[in-house]
Protein backbone atom coordinates (compact mmCIF):
# COMPACT_ATOMS: atom_id res chain seq x y z
CA UNK A 1 -38.22 26.44 -15.50
CA UNK A 2 -39.57 28.80 -18.17
CA UNK A 3 -40.89 31.33 -15.47
CA UNK A 4 -37.29 31.61 -13.70
CA UNK A 5 -35.08 34.40 -14.47
CA UNK A 6 -31.61 34.22 -16.36
CA UNK A 7 -29.49 33.88 -13.19
CA UNK A 8 -31.55 30.82 -11.93
CA UNK A 9 -31.40 29.23 -15.53
CA UNK A 10 -27.67 29.67 -15.35
CA UNK A 11 -27.60 27.78 -11.90
CA UNK A 12 -30.34 25.09 -12.04
CA UNK A 13 -31.03 24.30 -15.61
CA UNK A 14 -29.91 21.05 -17.03
CA UNK A 15 -29.20 19.52 -13.53
CA UNK A 16 -29.98 15.82 -13.64
CA UNK A 17 -29.91 13.90 -10.43
CA UNK A 18 -29.82 10.39 -11.83
CA UNK A 19 -27.76 8.83 -14.61
CA UNK A 20 -28.46 5.24 -13.99
CA UNK A 21 -28.02 3.95 -17.76
CA UNK A 22 -24.16 4.89 -17.86
CA UNK A 23 -22.11 2.04 -18.71
CA UNK A 24 -18.83 3.58 -16.96
CA UNK A 25 -18.92 4.06 -13.17
CA UNK A 26 -20.06 7.68 -12.39
CA UNK A 27 -17.40 10.28 -11.38
CA UNK A 28 -19.42 12.15 -8.65
CA UNK A 29 -17.71 15.43 -8.28
CA UNK A 30 -19.84 16.90 -5.49
CA UNK A 31 -19.01 17.82 -1.70
CA UNK A 32 -22.73 17.58 -0.52
CA UNK A 33 -25.80 15.80 -1.27
CA UNK A 34 -29.60 16.87 -1.58
CA UNK A 35 -32.00 15.23 0.94
CA UNK A 36 -35.63 14.23 0.29
CA UNK A 37 -36.72 16.15 3.25
CA UNK A 38 -35.55 17.27 6.81
CA UNK A 39 -36.29 13.88 8.49
CA UNK A 40 -34.10 12.28 5.53
CA UNK A 41 -31.15 14.49 6.23
CA UNK A 42 -31.29 13.85 10.11
CA UNK A 43 -31.77 10.16 9.67
CA UNK A 44 -28.64 9.93 7.23
CA UNK A 45 -26.51 12.28 9.40
CA UNK A 46 -27.34 9.90 12.52
CA UNK A 47 -26.52 6.69 10.25
CA UNK A 48 -29.97 5.43 10.85
CA UNK A 49 -30.55 5.50 7.04
CA UNK A 50 -28.28 4.58 4.36
CA UNK A 51 -27.23 7.11 1.91
CA UNK A 52 -24.52 9.93 1.23
CA UNK A 53 -24.01 12.78 3.48
CA UNK A 54 -20.84 14.54 2.86
CA UNK A 55 -17.99 13.91 0.62
CA UNK A 56 -15.54 13.61 3.44
CA UNK A 57 -16.76 10.14 4.31
CA UNK A 58 -19.58 9.19 1.65
CA UNK A 59 -19.33 9.41 -2.13
CA UNK A 60 -20.50 6.92 -4.74
CA UNK A 61 -17.35 6.84 -6.74
CA UNK A 62 -15.32 6.26 -3.71
CA UNK A 63 -17.80 3.61 -2.53
CA UNK A 64 -17.50 1.83 -5.97
CA UNK A 65 -13.69 1.57 -5.39
CA UNK A 66 -13.98 0.18 -1.95
CA UNK A 67 -16.24 -2.31 -2.89
CA UNK A 68 -14.18 -3.51 -5.77
CA UNK A 69 -10.95 -3.65 -3.71
CA UNK A 70 -12.88 -5.62 -0.83
CA UNK A 71 -13.94 -8.06 -3.56
CA UNK A 72 -10.37 -8.51 -4.91
CA UNK A 73 -9.21 -9.05 -1.38
CA UNK A 74 -11.95 -11.37 -0.30
CA UNK A 75 -12.81 -8.76 2.71
CA UNK A 76 -16.07 -8.00 4.30
CA UNK A 77 -15.48 -4.25 3.63
CA UNK A 78 -12.95 -1.35 2.67
CA UNK A 79 -12.40 2.21 3.31
CA UNK A 80 -10.35 4.29 1.13
CA UNK A 81 -7.98 7.14 2.29
CA UNK A 82 -6.11 9.83 0.55
CA UNK A 83 -2.75 8.03 0.70
CA UNK A 84 -1.31 4.77 2.18
CA UNK A 85 0.17 6.66 4.82
CA UNK A 86 -3.27 8.20 5.64
CA UNK A 87 -4.50 4.66 6.00
CA UNK A 88 -2.12 3.90 8.56
CA UNK A 89 -2.74 6.81 10.63
CA UNK A 90 -6.58 6.19 10.39
CA UNK A 91 -6.38 2.96 11.58
CA UNK A 92 -3.95 3.72 14.40
CA UNK A 93 -6.52 6.69 15.41
CA UNK A 94 -9.37 4.26 15.30
CA UNK A 95 -7.79 1.29 17.31
CA UNK A 96 -4.84 2.47 19.55
CA UNK A 97 -4.95 4.42 22.58
CA UNK A 98 -2.35 5.74 25.24
CA UNK A 99 -0.47 2.57 26.75
CA UNK A 100 -0.91 0.22 23.88
CA UNK A 101 2.01 -1.60 22.26
CA UNK A 102 2.66 -2.19 18.75
CA UNK A 103 4.78 -4.89 16.97
CA UNK A 104 6.21 -3.56 13.94
CA UNK A 105 8.24 -5.38 11.19
CA UNK A 106 11.89 -4.15 10.46
CA UNK A 107 12.75 -3.17 7.00
CA UNK A 108 9.37 -1.95 5.75
CA UNK A 109 8.67 1.29 4.16
CA UNK A 110 10.81 3.90 6.14
CA UNK A 111 7.82 6.50 6.46
CA UNK A 112 5.74 3.70 8.17
CA UNK A 113 8.40 3.07 10.65
CA UNK A 114 8.73 7.00 11.20
CA UNK A 115 5.08 7.25 11.94
CA UNK A 116 4.97 4.65 14.67
CA UNK A 117 8.38 5.35 16.37
CA UNK A 118 8.03 9.21 16.23
CA UNK A 119 4.63 10.34 16.10
CA UNK A 120 2.53 7.78 17.67
CA UNK A 121 5.02 7.61 20.43
CA UNK A 122 4.12 11.23 21.18
CA UNK A 123 0.83 10.04 21.98
CA UNK A 124 1.91 7.14 24.37
CA UNK A 125 1.84 4.18 21.92
CA UNK A 126 5.04 2.31 22.09
CA UNK A 127 6.67 0.13 19.27
CA UNK A 128 8.83 -2.61 19.20
CA UNK A 129 10.64 -3.17 15.85
CA UNK A 130 11.43 -7.05 14.82
CA UNK A 131 13.03 -8.97 11.97
CA UNK A 132 10.14 -10.00 9.82
CA UNK A 133 11.64 -13.39 9.43
CA UNK A 134 12.26 -14.06 13.13
CA UNK A 135 8.95 -15.84 14.57
CA UNK A 136 10.49 -16.78 17.94
CA UNK A 137 11.24 -13.01 18.21
CA UNK A 138 7.69 -11.95 17.67
CA UNK A 139 6.55 -14.68 20.49
CA UNK A 140 9.05 -13.23 22.91
CA UNK A 141 8.28 -9.76 22.29
CA UNK A 142 4.22 -9.61 22.49
CA UNK A 143 2.93 -8.13 25.72
CA UNK A 144 -0.33 -8.11 27.56
CA UNK A 145 -0.94 -4.60 25.89
CA UNK A 146 -0.04 -5.33 22.37
CA UNK A 147 -2.91 -4.17 20.44
CA UNK A 148 -1.61 -4.43 16.80
CA UNK A 149 0.84 -6.43 14.81
CA UNK A 150 1.92 -4.65 11.77
CA UNK A 151 3.88 -6.09 8.82
CA UNK A 152 4.71 -5.64 5.29
CA UNK A 153 4.96 -8.56 3.16
CA UNK A 154 7.14 -8.94 1.24
CA UNK A 155 8.98 -6.15 2.78
CA UNK A 156 10.02 -3.18 0.67
CA UNK A 157 12.72 -3.38 -0.60
CA UNK A 158 14.58 -6.36 0.54
CA UNK A 159 11.63 -8.66 -0.12
CA UNK A 160 11.62 -10.62 3.15
CA UNK A 161 8.44 -12.55 3.84
CA UNK A 162 6.21 -12.63 7.09
CA UNK A 163 4.54 -15.83 8.00
CA UNK A 164 1.04 -14.38 7.87
CA UNK A 165 -0.56 -17.49 9.31
CA UNK A 166 1.76 -17.63 12.18
CA UNK A 167 1.53 -13.97 12.89
CA UNK A 168 -2.25 -14.20 12.84
CA UNK A 169 -2.49 -16.99 15.32
CA UNK A 170 -0.10 -15.02 17.70
CA UNK A 171 -2.41 -11.96 17.39
CA UNK A 172 -5.58 -13.81 18.06
CA UNK A 173 -4.26 -15.61 21.25
CA UNK A 174 -3.26 -12.14 22.65
CA UNK A 175 -6.59 -10.09 21.82
CA UNK A 176 -4.72 -8.29 19.31
CA UNK A 177 -5.13 -7.87 15.55
CA UNK A 178 -2.88 -8.43 12.33
CA UNK A 179 -2.35 -5.70 9.91
CA UNK A 180 -0.45 -6.71 6.66
CA UNK A 181 0.59 -4.32 3.92
CA UNK A 182 -0.15 -6.05 0.62
CA UNK A 183 1.15 -3.19 -1.75
CA UNK A 184 3.80 -5.35 -3.42
CA UNK A 185 1.76 -8.40 -4.29
CA UNK A 186 -1.60 -6.88 -4.55
CA UNK A 187 -4.58 -9.24 -4.17
CA UNK A 188 -3.73 -10.69 -7.53
CA UNK A 189 -0.61 -12.53 -6.10
CA UNK A 190 -1.69 -12.60 -2.27
CA UNK A 191 -4.72 -12.55 -0.37
CA UNK A 192 -3.87 -12.02 3.55
CA UNK A 193 -7.29 -12.11 4.80
CA UNK A 194 -7.66 -15.89 3.44
CA UNK A 195 -4.49 -16.53 5.66
CA UNK A 196 -5.92 -14.94 8.54
CA UNK A 197 -4.98 -11.18 8.63
CA UNK A 198 -7.69 -8.70 10.20
CA UNK A 199 -6.65 -5.58 8.28
CA UNK A 200 -5.05 -5.21 4.76
CA UNK A 201 -3.39 -1.89 3.43
CA UNK A 202 -2.37 -0.89 0.03
CA UNK A 203 -0.47 2.24 -0.90
CA UNK A 204 -3.26 3.28 -3.16
CA UNK A 205 -4.60 4.51 0.22
CA UNK A 206 -7.26 1.91 1.40
CA UNK A 207 -7.84 -0.70 4.00
CA UNK A 208 -9.72 -3.93 3.67
CA UNK A 209 -10.88 -5.88 6.72
CA UNK A 210 -13.74 -7.16 9.11
CA UNK A 211 -16.52 -4.77 9.21
CA UNK A 212 -16.13 -3.81 12.63
CA UNK A 213 -12.56 -2.58 12.28
CA UNK A 214 -13.49 -0.92 8.95
CA UNK A 215 -16.39 0.89 10.63
CA UNK A 216 -13.91 2.37 13.23
CA UNK A 217 -11.75 3.66 10.45
CA UNK A 218 -14.67 5.10 8.83
CA UNK A 219 -15.36 7.09 11.98
CA UNK A 220 -12.01 8.65 11.76
CA UNK A 221 -12.32 9.67 8.03
CA UNK A 222 -15.75 11.37 9.02
CA UNK A 223 -13.81 13.33 11.86
CA UNK A 224 -10.38 14.09 10.69
CA UNK A 225 -11.07 13.99 6.79
CA UNK A 226 -7.92 11.79 5.40
CA UNK A 227 -10.27 11.19 2.52
CA UNK A 228 -9.67 9.73 -1.02
CA UNK A 229 -10.94 12.29 -3.70
CA UNK A 230 -13.75 11.08 -5.92
CA UNK A 231 -11.34 11.65 -8.97
CA UNK A 232 -8.57 9.60 -7.71
CA UNK A 233 -11.06 6.88 -6.69
CA UNK A 234 -12.42 6.70 -10.22
CA UNK A 235 -8.70 6.71 -11.84
CA UNK A 236 -8.18 3.60 -9.28
CA UNK A 237 -11.18 2.04 -10.48
CA UNK A 238 -10.18 2.15 -14.11
CA UNK A 239 -6.66 1.08 -12.98
CA UNK A 240 -8.15 -2.13 -11.26
CA UNK A 241 -9.74 -3.13 -14.47
CA UNK A 242 -6.47 -4.01 -15.90
CA UNK A 243 -4.67 -5.04 -12.84
CA UNK A 244 -4.61 -8.85 -13.33
CA UNK A 245 -2.86 -8.66 -16.58
CA UNK A 246 -0.55 -5.90 -15.72
CA UNK A 247 0.65 -7.82 -12.84
CA UNK A 248 1.38 -10.88 -14.67
CA UNK A 249 3.42 -8.52 -17.18
CA UNK A 250 5.33 -6.93 -14.33
CA UNK A 251 5.91 -10.36 -12.79
CA UNK A 252 7.40 -11.88 -16.03
CA UNK A 253 9.66 -9.06 -16.77
CA UNK A 254 10.93 -8.72 -13.33
CA UNK A 255 11.92 -12.55 -13.21
CA UNK A 256 13.84 -12.08 -16.64
CA UNK A 257 15.76 -8.91 -15.02
CA UNK A 258 16.44 -11.00 -11.90
CA UNK A 259 17.67 -13.91 -13.77
CA UNK A 260 19.95 -11.67 -15.92
CA UNK A 261 21.24 -9.58 -12.90
CA UNK A 262 22.10 -12.48 -11.01
CA UNK A 263 24.72 -13.60 -13.59
CA UNK A 264 26.56 -10.41 -13.41
CA UNK A 265 29.78 -9.90 -11.78
CA UNK A 266 29.10 -6.25 -10.85
CA UNK A 267 25.98 -7.06 -8.80
CA UNK A 268 26.65 -8.43 -5.39
CA UNK A 269 23.09 -9.69 -4.60
CA UNK A 270 19.52 -9.45 -6.01
CA UNK A 271 16.27 -9.56 -3.93
CA UNK A 272 13.11 -10.73 -5.40
CA UNK A 273 10.54 -13.40 -3.94
CA UNK A 274 10.51 -15.08 -7.13
CA UNK A 275 14.15 -15.91 -7.07
CA UNK A 276 14.93 -19.81 -6.57
CA UNK A 277 17.34 -18.90 -4.19
CA UNK A 278 15.18 -16.80 -1.88
CA UNK A 279 15.83 -18.08 1.76
CA UNK A 280 12.02 -18.15 2.28
CA UNK A 281 10.92 -19.82 -1.02
CA UNK A 282 8.97 -22.59 0.85
CA UNK A 283 6.88 -19.87 2.73
CA UNK A 284 6.71 -17.75 -0.51
CA UNK A 285 5.17 -20.68 -2.36
CA UNK A 286 2.61 -21.08 0.55
CA UNK A 287 1.41 -17.46 0.57
CA UNK A 288 1.85 -16.14 -2.82
CA UNK A 289 0.90 -17.06 -6.45
CA UNK A 290 3.25 -14.62 -7.95
CA UNK A 291 5.69 -11.96 -7.00
CA UNK A 292 4.93 -8.48 -8.92
CA UNK A 293 7.60 -6.03 -10.29
CA UNK A 294 9.63 -5.02 -7.38
CA UNK A 295 13.07 -6.24 -7.06
CA UNK A 296 16.38 -4.67 -5.50
CA UNK A 297 19.99 -5.55 -5.80
CA UNK A 298 23.54 -4.54 -4.58
CA UNK A 299 25.82 -2.97 -6.81
CA UNK A 300 29.39 -3.78 -6.19
CA UNK A 301 30.98 -0.88 -4.22
CA UNK A 302 29.25 1.72 -2.05
CA UNK A 303 27.00 4.71 -2.44
CA UNK A 304 29.30 6.43 -4.82
CA UNK A 305 28.79 3.46 -7.50
CA UNK A 306 25.00 3.26 -6.64
CA UNK A 307 24.61 6.79 -7.50
CA UNK A 308 26.65 6.87 -10.41
CA UNK A 309 24.63 3.94 -11.82
CA UNK A 310 21.44 5.60 -11.25
CA UNK A 311 22.70 8.76 -12.76
CA UNK A 312 23.93 6.84 -15.89
CA UNK A 313 20.43 5.36 -16.78
CA UNK A 314 18.94 6.73 -19.87
CA UNK A 315 15.72 4.94 -19.93
CA UNK A 316 14.58 3.97 -16.38
CA UNK A 317 13.15 7.03 -14.40
CA UNK A 318 14.81 8.20 -11.14
CA UNK A 319 11.69 8.37 -9.02
CA UNK A 320 10.46 6.92 -5.78
CA UNK A 321 7.08 5.46 -6.89
CA UNK A 322 6.42 1.90 -7.63
CA UNK A 323 3.95 -0.06 -9.60
CA UNK A 324 3.78 2.28 -12.73
CA UNK A 325 3.99 1.15 -16.44
CA UNK A 326 7.48 2.94 -16.64
CA UNK A 327 10.38 1.51 -14.92
CA UNK A 328 11.57 3.39 -12.02
CA UNK A 329 14.64 3.49 -9.75
CA UNK A 330 15.67 4.75 -6.41
CA UNK A 331 18.41 4.64 -3.74
CA UNK A 332 16.62 3.57 -0.72
CA UNK A 333 19.26 4.63 1.75
CA UNK A 334 18.84 8.36 0.89
CA UNK A 335 15.36 8.68 -0.24
CA UNK A 336 12.43 6.36 1.10
CA UNK A 337 14.45 5.09 4.24
CA UNK A 338 16.55 8.32 4.49
CA UNK A 339 15.12 9.47 7.77
CA UNK A 340 15.98 6.27 9.62
CA UNK A 341 19.22 6.36 11.76
CA UNK A 342 22.26 4.67 9.96
CA UNK A 343 22.16 1.75 12.48
CA UNK A 344 18.56 1.09 11.85
CA UNK A 345 19.01 1.16 7.99
CA UNK A 346 21.78 -1.33 8.38
CA UNK A 347 19.82 -3.73 10.64
CA UNK A 348 17.09 -3.50 7.88
CA UNK A 349 19.33 -4.44 5.20
CA UNK A 350 19.24 -0.80 3.69
CA UNK A 351 23.19 -0.64 2.57
CA UNK A 352 24.60 2.10 0.83
CA UNK A 353 25.21 0.06 -2.46
CA UNK A 354 21.35 -0.98 -2.60
CA UNK A 355 18.96 0.38 -5.42
CA UNK A 356 15.22 -0.62 -5.94
CA UNK A 357 13.94 -1.08 -9.37
CA UNK A 358 10.17 -1.10 -9.92
CA UNK A 359 10.20 -2.83 -13.24
CA UNK A 360 7.49 -1.33 -15.68
CA UNK A 361 6.18 -2.70 -18.76
CA UNK A 362 8.92 -1.71 -21.35
CA UNK A 363 10.48 -4.15 -23.51
CA UNK A 364 12.98 -6.34 -21.33
CA UNK A 365 15.62 -5.84 -23.82
CA UNK A 366 15.55 -2.34 -23.63
CA UNK A 367 15.58 -2.31 -19.88
CA UNK A 368 18.59 -4.83 -19.82
CA UNK A 369 20.43 -2.54 -22.26
CA UNK A 370 19.83 0.60 -20.25
CA UNK A 371 20.93 -1.18 -16.85
CA UNK A 372 23.99 -2.83 -18.75
CA UNK A 373 25.39 0.62 -19.90
CA UNK A 374 24.62 2.16 -16.59
CA UNK A 375 26.27 -0.43 -14.79
CA UNK A 376 29.57 0.00 -16.87
CA UNK A 377 29.37 3.49 -16.05
CA UNK A 378 29.21 2.73 -12.42
């Protein structure tokens, strides 16, 4: 490039297209890709030739993340989106149409329920909400126009468990498909595809499933653009490397806290699929190999006592995320499920005295001490 001017050097010098010898996955921060020639561009845009086209729907870093999560889930393929809710919207746009019917589990993440009951309803998609544990109710509610069955198992935050095998058979027998939100267990402790699910969603913003369904979702990404950024995909790739050992640690610490909370007089109930008194313990053992780090419990009293307890915590963070290395607590009735009507909250078990705790990786004794002093305040 010696013959070029300084402006050209400033733009073009040192630009290497290939870094195949790197040990870590590449963080590819480009919006577009160079083509070999005009024919190569035409063939890739028409999807007659594999390769990257535009970051909205093709990126090497994002693709590496998709391949890794698909392998963990035992799925044929995966597609990543910008958020978990973007994943739900993308699959809805891909497979639902006016006049279709959806069966939706009760007591799941409140925003998911809001999407189906408020926004998809505007486009002619009807939804029936059912208790996740009531198999006869699912049998009775399915219709000829039911296109999708959508469940979260375990549910967030009551830890109720859906019978994935039963629902998968029900969906197949009515030419529908089963979507399972596997956010709480992750593929480390549960693999819904093995149990018959057609699609699996995670709150990291990705779907796994059969190739035909994933290709339909990818079509939505290409047109609508709820895409995962390459940087976030790279962060997720690094996170997945330690997911198995982190989930084991979350699980162990959560179990210790559940046993401790269950003995307290100021706690009325504790919800955790690893509890020996869980009403669906047999189904849990059939579907899950572990339980993760999310628990919820009901403080004696009402909302005032729950809020006072949360405000009294000194170590645990008051925030609505889950799955962090830091322990986090929230009041579902006024945060994650706050947009649901009061009767819908109560039907789903979201009571005013319920709090949700995402158990992090701190020393369990420190967490117990913080919870203890805050419960005394409450």
